[in-house]
Amino acid sequence: MIPWYWYALLAFFDVQGNYLFNSAYYFTSITSVALLDCCTVAWVILFTWTFLGTKYSLRQLLGTAVCVLGLCLVVLSDAGIGGGGGSNPLLGDLLVTGGTIFFALSNVGEEFIVKKNGCLEVLAMLGLFGMFFSGCSKKARDSRLARKSSFCFQAKPSRAKSSQLVFVIEPSSSQGCLACDSTHGLARWLESWLDSVVRLCGPTRWLMLTFVGYTVAFLMYYSLTPLILQTSGSTLFNLSLLTTDMWAVVIRIFFYQQQVEWLYYVSFAVVGVGLLIYSKT
């Protein structure tokens, strides 16, 4: 029988990890967040070896070290050599790194529990305590975050054609504005699709749709996570999540209309080599 306070501790780790990750998006780019998420693998290996007694070969440790080297290139890029995006990239990178520690602790704890008590109890208890900690965090920061998290969705005529609408996401704090104004390829299709959704649904409904999509995605994630941890373990689970990196690059280029610096591609290659070394065991 697992005491209730262990579930509460895991839920606290998970809520804090999500908070740090979501805060990091405000300061750094989506590509940096996706790449630095690889740090979770290194923390998981350390924690499973320390707390669960999992044994790793020298090849696996070497692969992990190579992955960490690739992540250092991301930090190097965000420090200014490669010109990472965001208002404060280094702060964002630190927030992501802190979030990976919390996620690793949560994953390792979940792996231990699901292999003893099954998935249903984990889902129920983590959901219960996670709701409690999320509510407490929201209550504590509600007044401050309410002023910073409101967004204005506008449809403005473009300079090229008065009939063409441009989808704009503008934070109310006026610290940045992001416009989809591409005139070719997939970016133009995304721009047209977003504008049509805003015109059809209205700004308020569109904002609600983004929250619904976010909620559905995380519902699937948290429902499937215990099953994967039970069958494969937390290390393989986090290695599988690294496939999100390429999607992050695609979204940054075509959706956010931002350039990806050359150090990111080098980092991708180094991380890929590290994963290949790790998997060849």
Protein backbone atom coordinates (compact mmCIF):
# COMPACT_ATOMS: atom_id res chain seq x y z
CA MET A 1 0.00 0.00 0.00
CA ILE A 2 1.44 3.34 -1.10
CA PRO A 3 0.84 6.16 1.45
CA TRP A 4 -1.21 9.11 0.18
CA TYR A 5 1.57 11.62 0.79
CA TRP A 6 3.74 9.97 -1.86
CA TYR A 7 1.01 10.65 -4.42
CA ALA A 8 0.77 14.22 -3.14
CA LEU A 9 4.53 14.64 -3.56
CA LEU A 10 4.46 13.30 -7.14
CA ALA A 11 1.55 15.58 -8.00
CA PHE A 12 3.47 18.54 -6.57
CA PHE A 13 6.50 17.67 -8.73
CA ASP A 14 4.33 17.41 -11.82
CA VAL A 15 2.47 20.68 -11.24
CA GLN A 16 5.71 22.58 -10.61
CA GLY A 17 7.31 21.06 -13.71
CA ASN A 18 4.38 22.21 -15.85
CA TYR A 19 4.48 25.68 -14.31
CA LEU A 20 8.19 26.12 -15.06
CA PHE A 21 7.78 24.84 -18.61
CA ASN A 22 4.83 27.12 -19.36
CA SER A 23 6.70 30.07 -17.86
CA ALA A 24 9.73 29.29 -20.05
CA TYR A 25 7.71 29.79 -23.26
CA TYR A 26 7.36 33.46 -22.34
CA PHE A 27 11.13 33.99 -22.23
CA THR A 28 12.64 31.64 -24.82
CA SER A 29 11.74 29.95 -28.09
CA ILE A 30 9.72 26.77 -28.57
CA THR A 31 12.79 25.13 -30.15
CA SER A 32 14.90 25.75 -27.06
CA VAL A 33 12.19 24.34 -24.81
CA ALA A 34 11.86 21.21 -26.93
CA LEU A 35 15.60 20.58 -27.08
CA LEU A 36 16.30 21.30 -23.42
CA ASP A 37 13.50 18.90 -22.56
CA CYS A 38 16.08 16.22 -23.38
CA CYS A 39 17.64 16.99 -19.99
CA THR A 40 14.85 14.89 -18.51
CA VAL A 41 16.55 11.76 -19.87
CA ALA A 42 19.76 12.49 -17.98
CA TRP A 43 17.87 13.20 -14.75
CA VAL A 44 15.77 10.06 -15.15
CA ILE A 45 18.89 7.92 -15.54
CA LEU A 46 20.39 9.49 -12.42
CA PHE A 47 17.23 9.07 -10.34
CA THR A 48 16.41 5.52 -11.49
CA TRP A 49 20.00 4.48 -10.73
CA THR A 50 19.85 6.18 -7.31
CA PHE A 51 16.35 5.28 -6.13
CA LEU A 52 15.31 2.21 -8.16
CA GLY A 53 18.70 0.54 -8.56
CA THR A 54 18.48 0.41 -12.36
CA LYS A 55 21.77 -0.58 -14.00
CA TYR A 56 23.08 1.18 -17.11
CA SER A 57 25.93 0.22 -19.39
CA LEU A 58 28.85 2.46 -20.28
CA ARG A 59 27.42 2.85 -23.79
CA GLN A 60 24.15 4.17 -22.39
CA LEU A 61 25.97 6.61 -20.15
CA LEU A 62 28.11 7.75 -23.08
CA GLY A 63 25.00 8.31 -25.19
CA THR A 64 23.47 10.37 -22.42
CA ALA A 65 26.64 12.47 -22.12
CA VAL A 66 26.58 13.17 -25.87
CA CYS A 67 22.93 14.27 -25.60
CA VAL A 68 23.83 16.65 -22.78
CA LEU A 69 26.64 18.05 -24.96
CA GLY A 70 24.07 18.77 -27.66
CA LEU A 71 21.90 20.57 -25.12
CA CYS A 72 24.85 22.76 -24.16
CA LEU A 73 24.88 24.01 -27.76
CA VAL A 74 21.29 25.19 -27.31
CA VAL A 75 22.26 27.19 -24.24
CA LEU A 76 25.26 28.54 -26.16
CA SER A 77 22.95 29.65 -28.96
CA ASP A 78 20.51 31.32 -26.58
CA ALA A 79 23.38 33.11 -24.83
CA GLY A 80 23.89 35.15 -27.97
CA ILE A 81 26.29 33.25 -30.23
CA GLY A 82 23.46 31.83 -32.25
CA GLY A 83 20.87 34.46 -31.42
CA GLY A 84 18.19 32.40 -29.68
CA GLY A 85 14.67 33.81 -29.74
CA GLY A 86 12.72 35.17 -26.80
CA SER A 87 12.84 38.14 -24.44
CA ASN A 88 15.22 36.46 -21.96
CA PRO A 89 16.48 33.16 -23.43
CA LEU A 90 18.88 32.28 -20.62
CA LEU A 91 16.17 32.66 -17.98
CA GLY A 92 13.87 30.54 -20.12
CA ASP A 93 16.54 27.86 -20.43
CA LEU A 94 17.00 27.80 -16.65
CA LEU A 95 13.24 27.43 -16.15
CA VAL A 96 13.12 24.51 -18.58
CA THR A 97 16.07 22.83 -16.88
CA GLY A 98 14.37 23.18 -13.50
CA GLY A 99 11.18 21.79 -14.98
CA THR A 100 12.99 18.72 -16.30
CA ILE A 101 14.16 17.89 -12.76
CA PHE A 102 10.58 17.97 -11.48
CA PHE A 103 9.32 15.91 -14.43
CA ALA A 104 12.07 13.34 -13.95
CA LEU A 105 11.20 12.95 -10.26
CA SER A 106 7.54 12.59 -11.18
CA ASN A 107 8.22 10.00 -13.91
CA VAL A 108 10.51 7.88 -11.75
CA GLY A 109 8.01 7.94 -8.89
CA GLU A 110 5.17 7.00 -11.22
CA GLU A 111 7.20 4.14 -12.67
CA PHE A 112 7.80 2.74 -9.19
CA ILE A 113 4.12 3.00 -8.21
CA VAL A 114 2.51 1.66 -11.40
CA LYS A 115 4.69 -1.44 -11.27
CA LYS A 116 3.38 -2.11 -7.76
CA ASN A 117 -0.22 -0.86 -7.69
CA GLY A 118 -1.24 -0.52 -11.34
CA CYS A 119 -2.36 2.47 -13.40
CA LEU A 120 -5.86 3.25 -12.11
CA GLU A 121 -4.78 4.25 -8.62
CA VAL A 122 -2.00 6.44 -10.01
CA LEU A 123 -4.37 8.25 -12.38
CA ALA A 124 -6.95 8.83 -9.65
CA MET A 125 -4.57 10.01 -6.94
CA LEU A 126 -2.38 12.18 -9.17
CA GLY A 127 -5.47 13.76 -10.68
CA LEU A 128 -6.89 14.52 -7.24
CA PHE A 129 -3.75 16.01 -5.73
CA GLY A 130 -2.76 17.66 -9.00
CA MET A 131 -6.08 19.52 -9.05
CA PHE A 132 -5.49 20.63 -5.46
CA PHE A 133 -1.97 21.96 -6.08
CA SER A 134 -3.00 23.61 -9.35
CA GLY A 135 -5.87 25.35 -7.60
CA CYS A 136 -3.59 26.57 -4.82
CA SER A 137 -1.06 27.89 -7.34
CA LYS A 138 -3.74 29.66 -9.34
CA LYS A 139 -5.20 31.24 -6.23
CA ALA A 140 -1.80 32.49 -5.11
CA ARG A 141 -0.88 34.02 -8.48
CA ASP A 142 -4.27 34.79 -9.97
CA SER A 143 -4.24 38.56 -9.67
CA ARG A 144 -0.71 38.89 -11.08
CA LEU A 145 -1.08 36.42 -13.94
CA ALA A 146 -4.51 37.66 -14.98
CA ARG A 147 -2.98 40.94 -16.14
CA LYS A 148 -0.19 39.20 -18.06
CA SER A 149 -1.97 36.25 -19.65
CA SER A 150 -4.83 38.01 -21.48
CA PHE A 151 -4.36 38.03 -25.23
CA CYS A 152 -5.87 40.12 -27.96
CA PHE A 153 -6.71 38.40 -31.25
CA GLN A 154 -7.12 40.80 -34.15
CA ALA A 155 -7.71 40.54 -37.88
CA LYS A 156 -6.00 43.42 -39.72
CA PRO A 157 -5.70 44.25 -43.43
CA SER A 158 -2.28 43.47 -44.85
CA ARG A 159 -0.16 46.01 -46.73
CA ALA A 160 -0.28 44.00 -49.93
CA LYS A 161 -4.04 43.65 -50.30
CA SER A 162 -6.74 45.39 -48.35
CA SER A 163 -8.92 42.28 -48.51
CA GLN A 164 -6.25 39.99 -47.10
CA LEU A 165 -6.44 39.47 -43.35
CA VAL A 166 -3.45 38.81 -41.14
CA PHE A 167 -3.74 36.75 -37.96
CA VAL A 168 -2.07 38.57 -35.05
CA ILE A 169 -1.44 37.29 -31.52
CA GLU A 170 -0.54 40.23 -29.31
CA PRO A 171 0.15 39.97 -25.55
CA SER A 172 -1.64 42.62 -23.50
CA SER A 173 1.65 43.48 -21.79
CA SER A 174 2.90 44.84 -25.15
CA GLN A 175 6.19 42.96 -24.84
CA GLY A 176 5.91 41.31 -28.20
CA CYS A 177 3.75 40.73 -31.23
CA LEU A 178 3.73 37.77 -33.60
CA ALA A 179 2.15 37.96 -37.07
CA CYS A 180 1.64 35.30 -39.69
CA ASP A 181 2.21 37.29 -42.91
CA SER A 182 3.70 34.74 -45.25
CA THR A 183 2.74 34.78 -48.92
CA HIS A 184 3.68 31.30 -50.02
CA GLY A 185 3.51 27.61 -49.24
CA LEU A 186 2.40 26.07 -46.00
CA ALA A 187 2.79 29.29 -44.04
CA ARG A 188 0.21 31.02 -46.25
CA TRP A 189 -2.19 28.12 -45.81
CA LEU A 190 -1.80 28.28 -42.03
CA GLU A 191 -2.37 32.03 -42.09
CA SER A 192 -5.55 31.66 -44.14
CA TRP A 193 -6.82 28.83 -41.95
CA LEU A 194 -6.24 30.73 -38.71
CA ASP A 195 -7.92 33.86 -40.04
CA SER A 196 -10.94 31.90 -41.23
CA VAL A 197 -11.27 30.24 -37.83
CA VAL A 198 -11.13 33.61 -36.07
CA ARG A 199 -13.73 35.12 -38.41
CA LEU A 200 -15.98 32.09 -38.03
CA CYS A 201 -15.68 31.56 -34.28
CA GLY A 202 -14.86 35.04 -33.06
CA PRO A 203 -11.88 35.96 -30.85
CA THR A 204 -13.43 34.63 -27.65
CA ARG A 205 -14.40 31.28 -29.13
CA TRP A 206 -11.00 30.93 -30.77
CA LEU A 207 -9.30 31.48 -27.42
CA MET A 208 -11.57 28.85 -25.90
CA LEU A 209 -10.68 26.41 -28.70
CA THR A 210 -6.98 26.79 -27.95
CA PHE A 211 -7.58 25.96 -24.30
CA VAL A 212 -9.78 22.99 -25.24
CA GLY A 213 -7.09 21.66 -27.59
CA TYR A 214 -4.44 22.08 -24.90
CA THR A 215 -6.64 20.27 -22.37
CA VAL A 216 -7.42 17.37 -24.70
CA ALA A 217 -3.74 16.92 -25.56
CA PHE A 218 -2.74 16.75 -21.90
CA LEU A 219 -5.67 14.46 -21.09
CA MET A 220 -4.33 11.96 -23.61
CA TYR A 221 -0.76 12.47 -22.37
CA TYR A 222 -1.54 11.84 -18.71
CA SER A 223 -3.88 8.94 -19.50
CA LEU A 224 -1.26 7.08 -21.53
CA THR A 225 1.82 7.93 -19.44
CA PRO A 226 1.19 5.35 -16.66
CA LEU A 227 0.65 2.60 -19.24
CA ILE A 228 3.95 3.37 -20.97
CA LEU A 229 5.82 3.66 -17.67
CA GLN A 230 4.43 0.30 -16.58
CA THR A 231 5.53 -1.51 -19.73
CA SER A 232 8.68 0.35 -20.81
CA GLY A 233 10.03 2.43 -17.93
CA SER A 234 10.66 6.13 -17.51
CA THR A 235 13.94 6.22 -19.46
CA LEU A 236 12.49 4.82 -22.69
CA PHE A 237 9.39 6.96 -22.19
CA ASN A 238 11.41 10.18 -22.12
CA LEU A 239 13.57 9.05 -25.02
CA SER A 240 10.41 8.54 -27.06
CA LEU A 241 9.26 12.07 -26.25
CA LEU A 242 12.33 13.47 -28.02
CA THR A 243 10.48 13.07 -31.33
CA THR A 244 8.68 16.32 -30.43
CA ASP A 245 11.86 18.25 -31.26
CA MET A 246 11.35 18.10 -35.02
CA TRP A 247 7.74 19.18 -34.66
CA ALA A 248 8.94 22.16 -32.63
CA VAL A 249 11.20 23.23 -35.50
CA VAL A 250 8.39 22.88 -38.05
CA ILE A 251 6.01 24.91 -35.87
CA ARG A 252 8.60 27.62 -35.25
CA ILE A 253 9.34 28.03 -38.98
CA PHE A 254 5.86 27.78 -40.51
CA PHE A 255 3.55 28.87 -37.70
CA TYR A 256 5.52 31.49 -35.77
CA GLN A 257 7.49 32.70 -38.83
CA GLN A 258 10.83 32.57 -36.97
CA GLN A 259 14.23 31.48 -38.23
CA VAL A 260 16.10 28.56 -36.68
CA GLU A 261 19.77 29.30 -36.05
CA TRP A 262 22.49 26.99 -37.31
CA LEU A 263 23.52 25.90 -33.80
CA TYR A 264 20.09 24.32 -33.37
CA TYR A 265 20.73 22.01 -36.32
CA VAL A 266 24.13 21.08 -34.90
CA SER A 267 22.45 20.39 -31.57
CA PHE A 268 19.86 18.18 -33.29
CA ALA A 269 22.64 16.18 -34.92
CA VAL A 270 24.61 15.77 -31.68
CA VAL A 271 21.50 14.75 -29.72
CA GLY A 272 20.59 12.29 -32.48
CA VAL A 273 24.04 10.70 -32.30
CA GLY A 274 23.71 10.45 -28.53
CA LEU A 275 20.34 8.73 -28.80
CA LEU A 276 21.74 6.33 -31.39
CA ILE A 277 24.61 5.43 -29.06
CA TYR A 278 22.18 4.93 -26.17
CA SER A 279 19.81 2.71 -28.16
CA LYS A 280 22.57 0.42 -29.47
CA THR A 281 22.68 -1.69 -26.31
